[in-house]
Structures are given as C-alpha cells and as structure tokens.
C-alpha cells in the first residue's frame, strides 16, 4: 500500500481517499436500506450506520493492498 498519492503535484494521504470511498459506499447502502425499509430491523440507526462505515472502511483498506 502506498501511504501517499501524488495528484497533480499535491501529496494526498491514501487514507483520506479510502475514507471518501467508504463514505460514498456507506451512503449508497444507507439509501438502499431506507428505500426498502430495512431500518425497521435495526435497533439504533446511528450506531448501525457508524458500524457499517467502519466495516466498509476496513474492507476498502484491505482491498487497496491488491491495487497496482
């Protein structure tokens, strides 16, 4: 894993990009769950959303190891 990415001469921490990707995935899943009414099965919505975000961030960081 590269720890810094060079975007047009600006060094950006890789974790910042992975945080943004995980947030986008989390927002998409949250909208899907809301549309189909799956939040009825969740006890605490905010805690569930945070846990979902942390799990997605872990998956994204793990999968970043396999990127060229």
N, C-alpha and C. Protein backbone atom coordinates (compact mmCIF):
# COMPACT_ATOMS: atom_id res chain seq x y z
N UNK A 1 0.84 -1.19 0.00
CA UNK A 1 0.00 0.00 0.00
C UNK A 1 0.88 1.24 0.00
N UNK A 2 0.54 2.14 -0.86
CA UNK A 2 1.24 3.43 -0.86
C UNK A 2 0.58 4.32 0.19
N UNK A 3 1.40 5.04 0.93
CA UNK A 3 0.85 5.86 2.00
C UNK A 3 0.51 7.27 1.55
N UNK A 4 1.05 7.67 0.40
CA UNK A 4 0.74 8.98 -0.16
C UNK A 4 0.53 8.85 -1.66
N UNK A 5 -0.42 9.58 -2.17
CA UNK A 5 -0.69 9.59 -3.59
C UNK A 5 -0.38 10.98 -4.14
N UNK A 6 0.22 11.01 -5.30
CA UNK A 6 0.56 12.27 -5.94
C UNK A 6 -0.54 12.62 -6.94
N UNK A 7 -1.32 13.65 -6.63
CA UNK A 7 -2.39 14.10 -7.51
C UNK A 7 -2.04 15.51 -7.97
N UNK A 8 -1.55 15.61 -9.21
CA UNK A 8 -1.16 16.89 -9.80
C UNK A 8 -0.17 17.66 -8.92
N UNK A 9 0.80 16.94 -8.36
CA UNK A 9 1.83 17.58 -7.56
C UNK A 9 1.48 17.76 -6.11
N UNK A 10 0.28 17.39 -5.71
CA UNK A 10 -0.12 17.52 -4.32
C UNK A 10 -0.13 16.12 -3.71
N UNK A 11 0.61 15.96 -2.61
CA UNK A 11 0.64 14.67 -1.93
C UNK A 11 -0.58 14.55 -1.02
N UNK A 12 -1.39 13.55 -1.28
CA UNK A 12 -2.62 13.31 -0.52
C UNK A 12 -2.48 11.98 0.20
N UNK A 13 -2.75 11.94 1.50
CA UNK A 13 -2.68 10.67 2.21
C UNK A 13 -3.68 9.67 1.62
N UNK A 14 -3.24 8.45 1.45
CA UNK A 14 -4.10 7.43 0.86
C UNK A 14 -5.33 7.18 1.73
N UNK A 15 -5.16 7.29 3.03
CA UNK A 15 -6.29 7.05 3.93
C UNK A 15 -7.43 8.03 3.68
N UNK A 16 -7.11 9.26 3.31
CA UNK A 16 -8.16 10.25 3.00
C UNK A 16 -9.01 9.79 1.83
N UNK A 17 -8.38 9.25 0.81
CA UNK A 17 -9.13 8.75 -0.33
C UNK A 17 -9.97 7.53 0.05
N UNK A 18 -9.42 6.66 0.88
CA UNK A 18 -10.18 5.47 1.29
C UNK A 18 -11.36 5.87 2.18
N UNK A 19 -11.19 6.92 3.00
CA UNK A 19 -12.30 7.41 3.81
C UNK A 19 -13.44 7.93 2.94
N UNK A 20 -13.10 8.63 1.88
CA UNK A 20 -14.11 9.16 0.97
C UNK A 20 -14.83 8.04 0.23
N UNK A 21 -14.08 7.03 -0.22
CA UNK A 21 -14.69 5.89 -0.91
C UNK A 21 -15.62 5.14 0.03
N UNK A 22 -15.18 4.91 1.26
CA UNK A 22 -16.02 4.20 2.23
C UNK A 22 -17.28 5.01 2.56
N UNK A 23 -17.16 6.32 2.64
CA UNK A 23 -18.33 7.16 2.90
C UNK A 23 -19.34 7.08 1.76
N UNK A 24 -18.85 7.11 0.54
CA UNK A 24 -19.75 7.02 -0.62
C UNK A 24 -20.47 5.67 -0.63
N UNK A 25 -19.74 4.60 -0.36
CA UNK A 25 -20.38 3.27 -0.30
C UNK A 25 -21.40 3.20 0.83
N UNK A 26 -21.04 3.76 1.98
CA UNK A 26 -21.94 3.75 3.13
C UNK A 26 -23.22 4.54 2.84
N UNK A 27 -23.07 5.68 2.20
CA UNK A 27 -24.25 6.50 1.86
C UNK A 27 -25.15 5.76 0.88
N UNK A 28 -24.55 5.08 -0.09
CA UNK A 28 -25.35 4.32 -1.05
C UNK A 28 -26.10 3.18 -0.40
N UNK A 29 -25.44 2.44 0.47
CA UNK A 29 -26.09 1.34 1.17
C UNK A 29 -27.18 1.86 2.09
N UNK A 30 -26.93 3.00 2.73
CA UNK A 30 -27.92 3.59 3.62
C UNK A 30 -29.19 3.98 2.85
N UNK A 31 -29.01 4.55 1.68
CA UNK A 31 -30.18 4.92 0.87
C UNK A 31 -30.96 3.70 0.41
N UNK A 32 -30.26 2.65 0.05
CA UNK A 32 -30.93 1.41 -0.36
C UNK A 32 -31.71 0.83 0.81
N UNK A 33 -31.09 0.82 2.00
CA UNK A 33 -31.77 0.28 3.18
C UNK A 33 -33.00 1.11 3.53
N UNK A 34 -32.89 2.43 3.40
CA UNK A 34 -34.02 3.30 3.70
C UNK A 34 -35.15 3.09 2.70
N UNK A 35 -34.80 2.92 1.44
CA UNK A 35 -35.81 2.76 0.39
C UNK A 35 -36.62 1.48 0.58
N UNK A 36 -35.94 0.40 0.98
CA UNK A 36 -36.63 -0.87 1.15
C UNK A 36 -37.13 -1.11 2.58
N UNK A 37 -36.96 -0.14 3.46
CA UNK A 37 -37.48 -0.25 4.81
C UNK A 37 -36.72 -1.22 5.69
N UNK A 38 -35.45 -1.42 5.43
CA UNK A 38 -34.67 -2.36 6.23
C UNK A 38 -34.23 -1.78 7.56
N UNK A 39 -34.38 -0.49 7.74
CA UNK A 39 -34.02 0.12 9.02
C UNK A 39 -35.01 -0.27 10.13
N UNK A 40 -36.12 -0.87 9.76
CA UNK A 40 -37.06 -1.36 10.78
C UNK A 40 -36.42 -2.45 11.62
N UNK A 41 -35.45 -3.16 11.05
CA UNK A 41 -34.80 -4.27 11.73
C UNK A 41 -33.60 -3.84 12.58
N UNK A 42 -33.27 -2.55 12.54
CA UNK A 42 -32.09 -2.03 13.23
C UNK A 42 -32.52 -1.36 14.52
N UNK A 43 -31.80 -1.68 15.60
CA UNK A 43 -32.16 -1.12 16.90
C UNK A 43 -31.78 0.35 17.02
N UNK A 44 -30.56 0.70 16.66
CA UNK A 44 -30.06 2.07 16.80
C UNK A 44 -29.44 2.48 15.47
N UNK A 45 -30.15 3.33 14.74
CA UNK A 45 -29.76 3.65 13.36
C UNK A 45 -28.38 4.30 13.27
N UNK A 46 -28.10 5.27 14.11
CA UNK A 46 -26.81 5.98 14.05
C UNK A 46 -25.65 5.03 14.36
N UNK A 47 -25.83 4.19 15.35
CA UNK A 47 -24.79 3.23 15.71
C UNK A 47 -24.58 2.22 14.58
N UNK A 48 -25.66 1.80 13.96
CA UNK A 48 -25.57 0.87 12.83
C UNK A 48 -24.85 1.52 11.66
N UNK A 49 -25.17 2.78 11.36
CA UNK A 49 -24.51 3.48 10.25
C UNK A 49 -23.01 3.64 10.52
N UNK A 50 -22.65 3.94 11.76
CA UNK A 50 -21.24 4.07 12.09
C UNK A 50 -20.52 2.73 11.96
N UNK A 51 -21.13 1.67 12.44
CA UNK A 51 -20.52 0.34 12.33
C UNK A 51 -20.39 -0.08 10.87
N UNK A 52 -21.39 0.23 10.06
CA UNK A 52 -21.34 -0.07 8.64
C UNK A 52 -20.19 0.68 7.98
N UNK A 53 -20.01 1.95 8.34
CA UNK A 53 -18.93 2.76 7.79
C UNK A 53 -17.56 2.19 8.18
N UNK A 54 -17.40 1.81 9.42
CA UNK A 54 -16.12 1.27 9.87
C UNK A 54 -15.82 -0.06 9.17
N UNK A 55 -16.82 -0.90 9.01
CA UNK A 55 -16.62 -2.17 8.31
C UNK A 55 -16.26 -1.94 6.84
N UNK A 56 -16.95 -1.02 6.20
CA UNK A 56 -16.63 -0.71 4.80
C UNK A 56 -15.24 -0.10 4.66
N UNK A 57 -14.84 0.74 5.60
CA UNK A 57 -13.50 1.31 5.56
C UNK A 57 -12.45 0.21 5.69
N UNK A 58 -12.69 -0.74 6.58
CA UNK A 58 -11.76 -1.86 6.71
C UNK A 58 -11.65 -2.67 5.44
N UNK A 59 -12.78 -2.91 4.79
CA UNK A 59 -12.78 -3.67 3.53
C UNK A 59 -12.04 -2.91 2.44
N UNK A 60 -12.28 -1.61 2.34
CA UNK A 60 -11.64 -0.80 1.30
C UNK A 60 -10.12 -0.75 1.53
N UNK A 61 -9.70 -0.58 2.76
CA UNK A 61 -8.26 -0.53 3.05
C UNK A 61 -7.63 -1.89 2.77
N UNK A 62 -8.31 -2.96 3.14
CA UNK A 62 -7.78 -4.29 2.87
C UNK A 62 -7.65 -4.54 1.36
N UNK A 63 -8.66 -4.16 0.60
CA UNK A 63 -8.62 -4.37 -0.84
C UNK A 63 -7.62 -3.45 -1.55
N UNK A 64 -7.24 -2.36 -0.91
CA UNK A 64 -6.28 -1.46 -1.52
C UNK A 64 -4.89 -2.11 -1.62
N UNK A 65 -4.64 -3.13 -0.86
CA UNK A 65 -3.38 -3.84 -0.93
C UNK A 65 -3.19 -4.51 -2.30
N UNK A 66 -4.28 -4.85 -2.95
CA UNK A 66 -4.22 -5.57 -4.22
C UNK A 66 -4.22 -4.66 -5.43
N UNK A 67 -4.31 -3.34 -5.21
CA UNK A 67 -4.26 -2.39 -6.33
C UNK A 67 -2.84 -2.24 -6.81
N UNK A 68 -2.64 -2.01 -8.11
CA UNK A 68 -1.26 -1.86 -8.62
C UNK A 68 -0.62 -0.57 -8.17
